[in-house]
Amino acid sequence: MRRLTMALVGAFGATVCLLSDSAAANENPFASLFEPTVAARPAEGRPQASAIPREIVPYSGGYGPGTVVISTAERRLYYVLPNGQAIRYGVGVGRPGFEWSGSRYITHKREWPDWTPPAQMLKRRPDLPRHMEGGINNPLGARAMYISGTLYRIHGSNEPESIGQAVSSGCIRMTNDDVTDLYDRVKIGTRVVVLR
């Protein structure tokens, strides 16, 4: 496994989750693994506090500039910059049994994405809404970046307190502020490497 090197410099936080916002995903048995808490979020434009600051750090992980590297063990996401640096974000990750690893790429991106929980999730959580329009109360948060060959996304969260914890059902969670920052940097086709 590659080693990630870091040091403190800056200030802010991020998320990837297994979830569904399409009918096709409802047919996948793994689509039911992400069960977000549907709770009120801060007013639009109001920053979310994160216990883990966003920082520019030295980076020697061996991946090229523009790559997104997620270390689930560290609970950090690195956006690799030139000159041996990366932007490091705090993330919430999948709890034991819901981890994944591999190399993929971003297929598409959405601002304030809609969310439709899959049928399996609704069986376990009948209290969840059948559909949620994008917005401050949507569990996908301010932005979502969809990862190829999976039902995983890198997305915002209405649970900033979960950043730095292994509590999701496969998600990498980010604060809305951090996911917006990352979203503005990431392009369609960006490589995403998830390490355990």
Protein backbone atom coordinates (compact mmCIF):
# COMPACT_ATOMS: atom_id res chain seq x y z
CA MET A 1 0.00 0.00 0.00
CA ARG A 2 1.26 3.49 -0.77
CA ARG A 3 2.23 5.75 2.10
CA LEU A 4 0.64 9.16 2.49
CA THR A 5 2.81 11.82 4.09
CA MET A 6 1.28 14.92 5.70
CA ALA A 7 1.85 18.06 7.77
CA LEU A 8 -0.37 20.85 9.07
CA VAL A 9 -0.88 24.12 7.13
CA GLY A 10 -4.51 25.30 6.58
CA ALA A 11 -8.27 25.24 7.57
CA PHE A 12 -11.66 23.02 6.67
CA GLY A 13 -13.63 18.92 5.85
CA ALA A 14 -15.65 15.91 2.91
CA THR A 15 -17.95 12.39 1.94
CA VAL A 16 -18.40 9.40 -0.48
CA CYS A 17 -21.51 7.27 -0.04
CA LEU A 18 -23.32 4.27 -1.31
CA LEU A 19 -26.77 5.50 -2.15
CA SER A 20 -29.26 5.72 -4.95
CA ASP A 21 -30.96 8.51 -6.77
CA SER A 22 -32.08 6.53 -9.81
CA ALA A 23 -34.53 3.75 -10.53
CA ALA A 24 -31.73 1.57 -11.99
CA ALA A 25 -29.88 1.62 -8.69
CA ASN A 26 -32.99 0.31 -6.92
CA GLU A 27 -32.48 -3.02 -8.71
CA ASN A 28 -29.01 -3.44 -7.19
CA PRO A 29 -29.01 -5.34 -3.88
CA PHE A 30 -26.14 -3.18 -2.60
CA ALA A 31 -28.05 0.05 -3.23
CA SER A 32 -29.71 -0.23 0.17
CA LEU A 33 -26.52 0.04 2.20
CA PHE A 34 -26.54 3.82 2.69
CA GLU A 35 -29.09 4.96 5.21
CA PRO A 36 -28.66 8.66 5.84
CA THR A 37 -30.23 10.57 8.65
CA VAL A 38 -32.78 12.95 7.19
CA ALA A 39 -32.35 15.98 9.41
CA ALA A 40 -32.41 19.73 9.06
CA ARG A 41 -29.23 21.32 7.72
CA PRO A 42 -27.78 24.75 8.30
CA ALA A 43 -29.28 27.52 6.19
CA GLU A 44 -27.87 27.73 2.66
CA GLY A 45 -24.69 29.74 2.62
CA ARG A 46 -23.99 29.15 6.31
CA PRO A 47 -20.73 27.20 6.74
CA GLN A 48 -20.73 23.82 8.48
CA ALA A 49 -18.23 23.39 11.26
CA SER A 50 -15.80 20.50 10.88
CA ALA A 51 -13.54 19.08 13.55
CA ILE A 52 -11.02 18.24 10.80
CA PRO A 53 -9.67 21.27 8.94
CA ARG A 54 -9.03 21.36 5.19
CA GLU A 55 -5.27 21.72 4.72
CA ILE A 56 -2.56 21.87 2.09
CA VAL A 57 -0.01 19.24 3.10
CA PRO A 58 3.18 17.66 1.72
CA TYR A 59 2.26 14.56 -0.31
CA SER A 60 4.42 11.66 -1.47
CA GLY A 61 1.79 9.03 -2.24
CA GLY A 62 2.89 8.41 -5.83
CA TYR A 63 -0.31 9.56 -7.56
CA GLY A 64 -0.28 12.36 -10.12
CA PRO A 65 -1.74 15.85 -9.82
CA GLY A 66 -5.53 15.94 -10.16
CA THR A 67 -6.02 12.47 -8.61
CA VAL A 68 -8.44 11.99 -5.70
CA VAL A 69 -6.97 9.56 -3.15
CA ILE A 70 -9.15 8.39 -0.25
CA SER A 71 -7.47 6.72 2.72
CA THR A 72 -10.25 5.04 4.68
CA ALA A 73 -7.80 4.07 7.44
CA GLU A 74 -6.81 7.71 7.95
CA ARG A 75 -10.33 9.00 7.23
CA ARG A 76 -8.87 11.54 4.85
CA LEU A 77 -9.34 12.45 1.20
CA TYR A 78 -6.39 13.90 -0.72
CA TYR A 79 -6.70 15.98 -3.88
CA VAL A 80 -3.19 15.75 -5.34
CA LEU A 81 -1.60 19.05 -6.39
CA PRO A 82 1.64 19.62 -8.31
CA ASN A 83 4.97 20.06 -6.49
CA GLY A 84 4.55 17.28 -3.92
CA GLN A 85 1.47 18.72 -2.22
CA ALA A 86 -2.18 17.78 -1.73
CA ILE A 87 -5.30 19.30 -0.26
CA ARG A 88 -6.32 17.06 2.62
CA TYR A 89 -9.97 16.88 3.69
CA GLY A 90 -11.46 15.02 6.64
CA VAL A 91 -14.01 12.38 5.66
CA GLY A 92 -16.49 10.01 7.24
CA VAL A 93 -16.12 6.45 5.94
CA GLY A 94 -17.94 3.11 5.88
CA ARG A 95 -18.24 1.21 9.11
CA PRO A 96 -16.69 -2.29 9.32
CA GLY A 97 -18.18 -4.53 6.65
CA PHE A 98 -19.01 -1.60 4.37
CA GLU A 99 -15.52 -0.61 3.20
CA TRP A 100 -14.37 -0.79 -0.40
CA SER A 101 -11.18 -0.08 -2.30
CA GLY A 102 -10.07 0.27 -5.88
CA SER A 103 -9.32 2.68 -8.70
CA ARG A 104 -12.20 4.32 -10.58
CA TYR A 105 -13.06 7.70 -12.12
CA ILE A 106 -15.71 10.42 -11.85
CA THR A 107 -18.52 9.84 -14.37
CA HIS A 108 -20.70 12.87 -13.65
CA LYS A 109 -21.33 15.62 -11.14
CA ARG A 110 -24.48 17.21 -9.68
CA GLU A 111 -25.17 20.36 -7.68
CA TRP A 112 -27.85 19.91 -4.98
CA PRO A 113 -28.73 16.41 -6.29
CA ASP A 114 -32.14 14.79 -5.77
CA TRP A 115 -32.27 11.59 -3.74
CA THR A 116 -34.57 8.56 -4.00
CA PRO A 117 -33.92 5.81 -1.45
CA PRO A 118 -33.99 2.27 -2.90
CA ALA A 119 -36.81 -0.14 -2.02
CA GLN A 120 -34.59 -2.22 0.28
CA MET A 121 -33.75 0.85 2.34
CA LEU A 122 -37.39 1.87 2.57
CA LYS A 123 -38.25 -1.59 3.95
CA ARG A 124 -35.79 -1.08 6.79
CA ARG A 125 -36.50 2.61 7.20
CA PRO A 126 -40.16 3.30 6.33
CA ASP A 127 -39.76 6.73 7.97
CA LEU A 128 -37.58 7.92 5.07
CA PRO A 129 -39.17 10.06 2.36
CA ARG A 130 -39.81 8.34 -0.98
CA HIS A 131 -37.98 11.15 -2.81
CA MET A 132 -36.19 14.33 -1.83
CA GLU A 133 -35.52 17.27 -4.08
CA GLY A 134 -32.02 18.69 -3.88
CA GLY A 135 -31.51 21.34 -1.22
CA ILE A 136 -30.35 21.94 2.30
CA ASN A 137 -32.48 19.11 3.75
CA ASN A 138 -31.31 16.47 1.24
CA PRO A 139 -28.82 13.95 2.71
CA LEU A 140 -26.62 14.14 -0.41
CA GLY A 141 -25.69 17.68 0.48
CA ALA A 142 -24.54 20.50 -1.74
CA ARG A 143 -22.68 18.45 -4.36
CA ALA A 144 -22.26 14.86 -5.55
CA MET A 145 -19.57 13.30 -7.73
CA TYR A 146 -20.51 9.88 -9.11
CA ILE A 147 -17.87 7.13 -9.21
CA SER A 148 -17.66 4.74 -12.18
CA GLY A 149 -18.77 1.12 -11.85
CA THR A 150 -20.24 1.68 -8.38
CA LEU A 151 -23.21 3.21 -6.61
CA TYR A 152 -20.79 5.31 -4.56
CA ARG A 153 -20.56 9.05 -4.63
CA ILE A 154 -18.38 11.66 -3.05
CA HIS A 155 -20.97 14.03 -1.61
CA GLY A 156 -21.91 16.50 1.07
CA SER A 157 -23.65 15.59 4.29
CA ASN A 158 -26.14 16.92 6.78
CA GLU A 159 -24.13 15.18 9.51
CA PRO A 160 -20.86 17.15 9.81
CA GLU A 161 -20.27 15.51 13.19
CA SER A 162 -19.71 12.18 11.37
CA ILE A 163 -16.57 13.48 9.64
CA GLY A 164 -13.58 11.49 10.91
CA GLN A 165 -15.71 8.50 11.92
CA ALA A 166 -16.45 5.07 10.41
CA VAL A 167 -20.23 5.14 10.66
CA SER A 168 -21.64 5.07 7.13
CA SER A 169 -22.80 2.19 4.98
CA GLY A 170 -20.03 2.66 2.43
CA CYS A 171 -20.01 6.44 2.21
CA ILE A 172 -17.15 8.87 2.23
CA ARG A 173 -18.83 11.91 3.74
CA MET A 174 -17.68 15.51 3.45
CA THR A 175 -18.97 18.75 4.87
CA ASN A 176 -20.90 20.78 2.31
CA ASP A 177 -18.17 23.44 2.33
CA ASP A 178 -15.47 20.88 1.56
CA VAL A 179 -17.42 18.95 -1.05
CA THR A 180 -18.13 22.24 -2.84
CA ASP A 181 -14.41 23.06 -2.81
CA LEU A 182 -13.51 19.61 -4.18
CA TYR A 183 -16.34 19.68 -6.74
CA ASP A 184 -14.94 22.89 -8.22
CA ARG A 185 -11.52 21.21 -8.67
CA VAL A 186 -12.61 17.80 -9.99
CA LYS A 187 -13.43 17.18 -13.65
CA ILE A 188 -15.36 14.36 -15.33
CA GLY A 189 -12.83 11.56 -15.81
CA THR A 190 -10.82 12.42 -12.67
CA ARG A 191 -9.20 9.30 -11.23
CA VAL A 192 -10.42 8.23 -7.77
CA VAL A 193 -8.27 5.80 -5.75
CA VAL A 194 -9.74 4.32 -2.55
CA LEU A 195 -7.23 2.73 -0.17
CA ARG A 196 -7.98 0.74 2.99
